[in-house]
Protein backbone atom coordinates (compact mmCIF):
# COMPACT_ATOMS: atom_id res chain seq x y z
CA MET A 1 -74.14 -0.04 22.93
CA HIS A 2 -71.10 1.56 24.53
CA HIS A 3 -68.67 3.85 22.96
CA TRP A 4 -65.47 4.92 24.17
CA HIS A 5 -65.19 8.76 25.01
CA TRP A 6 -61.88 10.46 24.24
CA PHE A 7 -60.50 10.16 27.64
CA ASP A 8 -61.05 6.16 27.87
CA ILE A 9 -58.41 6.16 25.49
CA ALA A 10 -56.08 8.94 26.57
CA PHE A 11 -55.88 8.16 30.68
CA PRO A 12 -53.46 5.19 29.90
CA TRP A 13 -51.22 7.68 28.08
CA ILE A 14 -51.53 10.49 30.64
CA GLY A 15 -50.63 8.07 33.35
CA GLY A 16 -47.89 7.01 31.29
CA VAL A 17 -46.38 10.55 31.15
CA GLY A 18 -46.80 10.65 34.73
CA ALA A 19 -45.03 7.57 35.28
CA ILE A 20 -42.06 8.83 33.24
CA VAL A 21 -42.08 11.99 35.49
CA LEU A 22 -41.95 9.94 38.45
CA VAL A 23 -39.22 7.31 37.24
CA VAL A 24 -37.25 10.52 36.76
CA LEU A 25 -37.49 11.74 40.01
CA LEU A 26 -37.20 8.36 41.70
CA PHE A 27 -33.53 7.22 39.89
CA ALA A 28 -32.41 10.91 39.21
CA THR A 29 -32.93 12.97 42.09
CA ASP A 30 -33.72 12.45 45.91
CA ARG A 31 -36.95 14.29 45.77
CA LEU A 32 -39.06 11.24 46.68
CA ARG A 33 -36.51 9.88 49.28
CA SER A 34 -37.00 9.99 52.98
CA ASP A 35 -33.56 9.37 53.94
CA PRO A 36 -30.96 10.07 50.99
CA GLY A 37 -28.54 8.63 53.68
CA ARG A 38 -29.60 5.01 52.93
CA SER A 39 -30.33 2.97 49.53
CA ARG A 40 -33.41 4.27 47.80
CA TRP A 41 -34.10 0.57 47.21
CA HIS A 42 -34.62 0.17 51.39
CA ASP A 43 -36.67 3.43 51.33
CA ARG A 44 -40.36 2.75 52.15
CA VAL A 45 -41.09 6.29 50.96
CA TRP A 46 -39.29 5.99 47.80
CA LEU A 47 -40.61 2.32 47.26
CA SER A 48 -44.24 3.86 47.67
CA TRP A 49 -43.56 5.86 44.53
CA LEU A 50 -42.11 3.45 42.96
CA GLY A 51 -45.47 1.29 43.09
CA MET A 52 -47.16 4.16 41.79
CA ALA A 53 -45.10 4.78 38.87
CA ALA A 54 -45.09 0.73 37.78
CA TYR A 55 -48.96 0.52 38.14
CA LEU A 56 -49.34 3.96 35.72
CA LEU A 57 -46.89 1.88 33.31
CA HIS A 58 -49.22 -1.36 33.85
CA ASN A 59 -52.06 0.55 32.96
CA VAL A 60 -50.51 1.62 29.76
CA GLU A 61 -50.31 -2.07 28.63
CA GLU A 62 -53.63 -2.77 29.89
CA TYR A 63 -55.56 0.07 28.25
CA GLY A 64 -52.86 1.44 25.83
CA ILE A 65 -50.86 -0.84 23.80
CA ASP A 66 -50.35 -4.32 25.36
CA GLY A 67 -46.96 -6.36 24.75
CA LEU A 68 -48.76 -8.25 21.73
CA GLY A 69 -49.24 -5.03 20.12
CA ARG A 70 -53.10 -4.73 20.61
CA PHE A 71 -54.40 -1.26 21.64
CA HIS A 72 -56.93 -0.90 24.54
CA ALA A 73 -56.99 -4.71 25.18
CA PHE A 74 -57.69 -5.17 28.68
CA PRO A 75 -61.73 -4.39 28.43
CA GLY A 76 -62.18 -6.69 25.69
CA MET A 77 -60.10 -9.58 27.56
CA ILE A 78 -62.37 -8.93 30.56
CA CYS A 79 -65.50 -9.19 28.24
CA ALA A 80 -63.77 -12.70 26.75
CA GLN A 81 -63.22 -14.07 30.18
CA LEU A 82 -66.85 -13.20 31.34
CA GLY A 83 -68.27 -14.66 27.99
CA LEU A 84 -69.96 -11.46 26.77
CA PRO A 85 -70.02 -10.13 23.49
CA PRO A 86 -67.07 -7.55 22.50
CA TYR A 87 -67.06 -3.78 22.41
CA PRO A 88 -69.39 -1.98 21.55
CA ASN A 89 -71.89 -4.57 22.69
CA CYS A 90 -70.14 -5.79 25.98
CA PRO A 91 -72.47 -4.47 28.87
CA ILE A 92 -69.59 -3.47 31.06
CA PRO A 93 -69.80 0.50 30.98
CA PRO A 94 -66.72 2.24 30.08
CA VAL A 95 -66.88 4.48 33.42
CA PHE A 96 -66.31 1.24 35.60
CA PHE A 97 -62.59 1.01 34.28
CA LEU A 98 -62.21 4.69 34.81
CA ALA A 99 -63.37 4.41 38.29
CA VAL A 100 -61.25 1.33 39.27
CA ASN A 101 -58.13 2.89 37.90
CA VAL A 102 -58.01 7.10 38.12
CA THR A 103 -59.25 6.59 41.93
CA ALA A 104 -56.80 3.94 42.83
CA PHE A 105 -53.43 5.21 40.87
CA TRP A 106 -54.08 9.09 40.13
CA VAL A 107 -55.69 9.61 43.66
CA ALA A 108 -55.08 7.27 46.54
CA ALA A 109 -51.70 6.01 45.61
CA PRO A 110 -49.96 9.57 45.61
CA ILE A 111 -52.01 10.34 48.91
CA ALA A 112 -50.74 6.79 50.42
CA ALA A 113 -47.02 7.75 49.06
CA LEU A 114 -47.35 11.39 50.87
CA LEU A 115 -48.32 9.38 54.29
CA SER A 116 -45.80 6.70 53.70
CA GLY A 117 -43.31 8.71 56.11
CA ARG A 118 -45.52 8.21 58.98
CA HIS A 119 -47.58 5.24 58.16
CA PRO A 120 -45.39 2.73 56.33
CA LEU A 121 -47.97 0.12 55.80
CA VAL A 122 -50.31 2.61 54.32
CA GLY A 123 -47.75 3.63 52.01
CA LEU A 124 -47.37 0.15 50.74
CA SER A 125 -50.85 -0.17 50.18
CA VAL A 126 -50.68 -0.23 46.26
CA TYR A 127 -48.28 -3.37 46.57
CA GLY A 128 -51.32 -5.17 48.13
CA ILE A 129 -52.71 -4.58 44.81
CA ILE A 130 -49.88 -5.17 42.96
CA MET A 131 -49.38 -8.58 44.72
CA ILE A 132 -52.93 -9.91 43.71
CA ASN A 133 -52.74 -8.49 40.43
CA ALA A 134 -49.67 -10.12 39.17
CA LEU A 135 -51.34 -13.22 40.37
CA THR A 136 -54.42 -12.75 38.57
CA HIS A 137 -52.48 -12.15 34.93
CA MET A 138 -50.13 -15.12 35.56
CA VAL A 139 -53.06 -17.36 35.96
CA ALA A 140 -54.45 -15.88 33.09
CA ALA A 141 -51.58 -16.63 30.95
CA LEU A 142 -51.80 -20.46 32.13
CA GLY A 143 -54.65 -20.41 29.82
CA GLY A 144 -52.67 -19.04 26.93
CA ASN A 145 -53.38 -14.95 27.63
CA PHE A 146 -50.21 -12.97 27.45
CA GLY A 147 -52.02 -9.86 26.48
CA GLY A 148 -53.74 -7.17 28.29
CA GLY A 149 -51.15 -6.62 31.02
CA PHE A 150 -49.11 -9.78 31.42
CA PHE A 151 -45.71 -8.43 30.77
CA THR A 152 -45.68 -5.48 33.33
CA SER A 153 -47.27 -8.11 35.74
CA LEU A 154 -43.74 -9.95 35.39
CA LEU A 155 -42.42 -6.11 37.04
CA PHE A 156 -45.02 -6.52 39.82
CA ALA A 157 -43.91 -10.18 40.62
CA ALA A 158 -40.21 -8.75 40.94
CA LEU A 159 -41.39 -6.05 42.65
CA ALA A 160 -43.43 -8.11 45.35
CA VAL A 161 -40.34 -10.14 46.04
CA TRP A 162 -38.15 -6.93 46.61
CA ILE A 163 -40.69 -5.59 48.92
CA ILE A 164 -41.07 -8.66 51.01
CA ARG A 165 -37.43 -8.87 51.35
CA ALA A 166 -37.10 -5.05 51.94
CA CYS A 167 -39.85 -4.00 54.61
CA PHE A 168 -41.22 -7.26 56.16
CA GLY A 169 -39.21 -9.56 58.68
CA PRO A 170 -36.75 -9.32 61.43
CA GLY A 171 -35.95 -5.84 62.19
CA ARG A 172 -38.42 -4.57 59.97
CA MET A 173 -42.31 -4.61 59.90
CA SER A 174 -43.74 -8.06 60.65
CA TYR A 175 -44.99 -10.56 58.60
CA GLY A 176 -48.35 -10.19 60.45
CA ALA A 177 -48.30 -6.71 58.57
CA LEU A 178 -47.25 -8.45 55.32
CA ALA A 179 -50.13 -11.01 55.72
CA LEU A 180 -52.59 -7.68 56.18
CA LEU A 181 -51.29 -6.32 53.38
CA VAL A 182 -51.97 -9.21 50.81
CA ALA A 183 -55.27 -9.76 52.69
CA GLY A 184 -56.18 -6.15 51.80
CA GLY A 185 -54.95 -6.71 48.27
CA ILE A 186 -57.27 -9.95 48.10
CA LEU A 187 -60.32 -7.58 49.74
CA ALA A 188 -59.72 -4.97 47.32
CA HIS A 189 -60.01 -7.25 44.34
CA ILE A 190 -62.91 -8.80 45.57
CA VAL A 191 -64.61 -5.31 45.86
CA LEU A 192 -63.65 -4.62 42.27
CA ALA A 193 -65.13 -7.97 41.27
CA ALA A 194 -67.97 -8.93 43.15
CA PRO A 195 -70.03 -5.72 42.51
CA LEU A 196 -69.30 -6.20 38.73
CA LEU A 197 -70.55 -9.49 38.65
CA LEU A 198 -73.79 -8.55 40.73
CA PHE A 199 -74.51 -5.56 38.27
CA LEU A 200 -74.11 -8.37 35.01
CA ASN A 201 -76.29 -10.80 36.74
CA SER A 202 -78.36 -9.59 39.46
CA GLY A 203 -79.34 -5.95 38.29
CA LEU A 204 -77.13 -4.03 40.70
CA SER A 205 -76.97 -0.28 39.88
CA ILE A 206 -74.01 0.84 37.89
CA ALA A 207 -74.19 4.01 40.19
CA VAL A 208 -73.41 1.75 43.27
CA VAL A 209 -70.86 -0.25 41.40
CA VAL A 210 -68.99 2.86 40.54
CA LEU A 211 -69.17 4.40 44.07
CA LEU A 212 -67.62 1.34 45.48
CA GLN A 213 -64.60 1.69 42.95
CA LEU A 214 -64.09 5.12 44.19
CA ALA A 215 -64.06 3.89 47.82
CA ASN A 216 -62.11 0.55 46.97
CA PRO A 217 -58.58 2.26 47.28
CA PHE A 218 -59.47 4.31 50.35
CA LEU A 219 -61.05 1.29 52.06
CA LEU A 220 -57.57 -0.61 51.65
CA MET A 221 -55.62 2.31 53.09
CA LEU A 222 -58.05 2.77 56.33
CA ILE A 223 -57.67 -1.04 56.66
CA LEU A 224 -54.08 -0.66 56.63
CA TRP A 225 -53.96 2.37 59.11
CA PHE A 226 -56.36 0.17 61.54
CA GLY A 227 -53.27 -2.51 61.27
CA GLU A 228 -50.86 0.19 62.21
CA ARG A 229 -52.86 1.19 65.20
CA TRP A 230 -53.52 -2.58 66.22
CA ARG A 231 -52.23 -3.26 69.71
CA ASP A 232 -50.34 0.04 69.95
CA GLY A 233 -48.59 -0.60 66.49
CA ALA A 234 -47.37 -4.24 67.22
CA LEU A 235 -47.59 -5.17 63.31
CA ILE A 236 -45.14 -2.41 62.49
CA SER A 237 -43.10 -2.12 66.22
CA ASN A 238 -39.75 -2.78 64.48
CA TRP A 239 -40.05 0.02 61.89
CA ARG A 240 -41.11 2.47 64.91
CA ASN A 241 -37.96 1.39 66.89
CA GLN A 242 -35.77 1.86 63.84
CA LEU A 243 -37.47 5.46 62.94
CA THR A 244 -36.67 6.50 66.67
CA SER A 245 -33.12 5.31 66.41
CA GLY A 246 -32.55 7.14 63.37
CA ALA A 247 -33.98 10.24 64.71
CA ALA A 248 -31.96 9.80 67.84
CA ARG A 249 -28.43 9.53 65.89
CA THR A 250 -29.31 12.88 63.89
């Protein structure tokens, strides 16, 4: 039997406070902008921090209170989808959810945002997760499940559309870079789900599962970093040219 630790219940609310602070900094100040002379909605550094804020709010809906008024709904939803008994008898240990979310959105996401000025694709790594996560919640909604994160996944979908428009295409990063970002998001979800299924069905150690979740967001960032370096930066060459011309003007 698994029992929730106080931090299992508190972490989404702590992250929610962090999201509020980020939203204030994003929309009421210029502190998270790389170039106050251009629209924040086209500033990749600003957009990187926005993605982190959006995911922290998503955590509140998944693990705090969802759009249907249910508290801590997402873990039980996952157990139900996998045909497992509800907590406290569900075999998925609570540490799994902490390893996934605290690592990715409290640690990796701010690191990526701090790197986004020089590494634009790495800076957008959270959006690789956001795009695939939005899709999974919408597929679940087709089966009638509108809780546990669905409503903030609509925000994810809107942000995904905007990121594609603002950051990729002619004069911006290439669509090849976008394809790598999406592929990285798919891989991150595979690394999330496959070890858990192996734990449930084949006896994989939970320690291994947790270690893989601790590494997962950094693996995504590493893949995107290699993508930036591929063929001397071919995937982001337009971004580099834009950065160089901007520096020349100043």
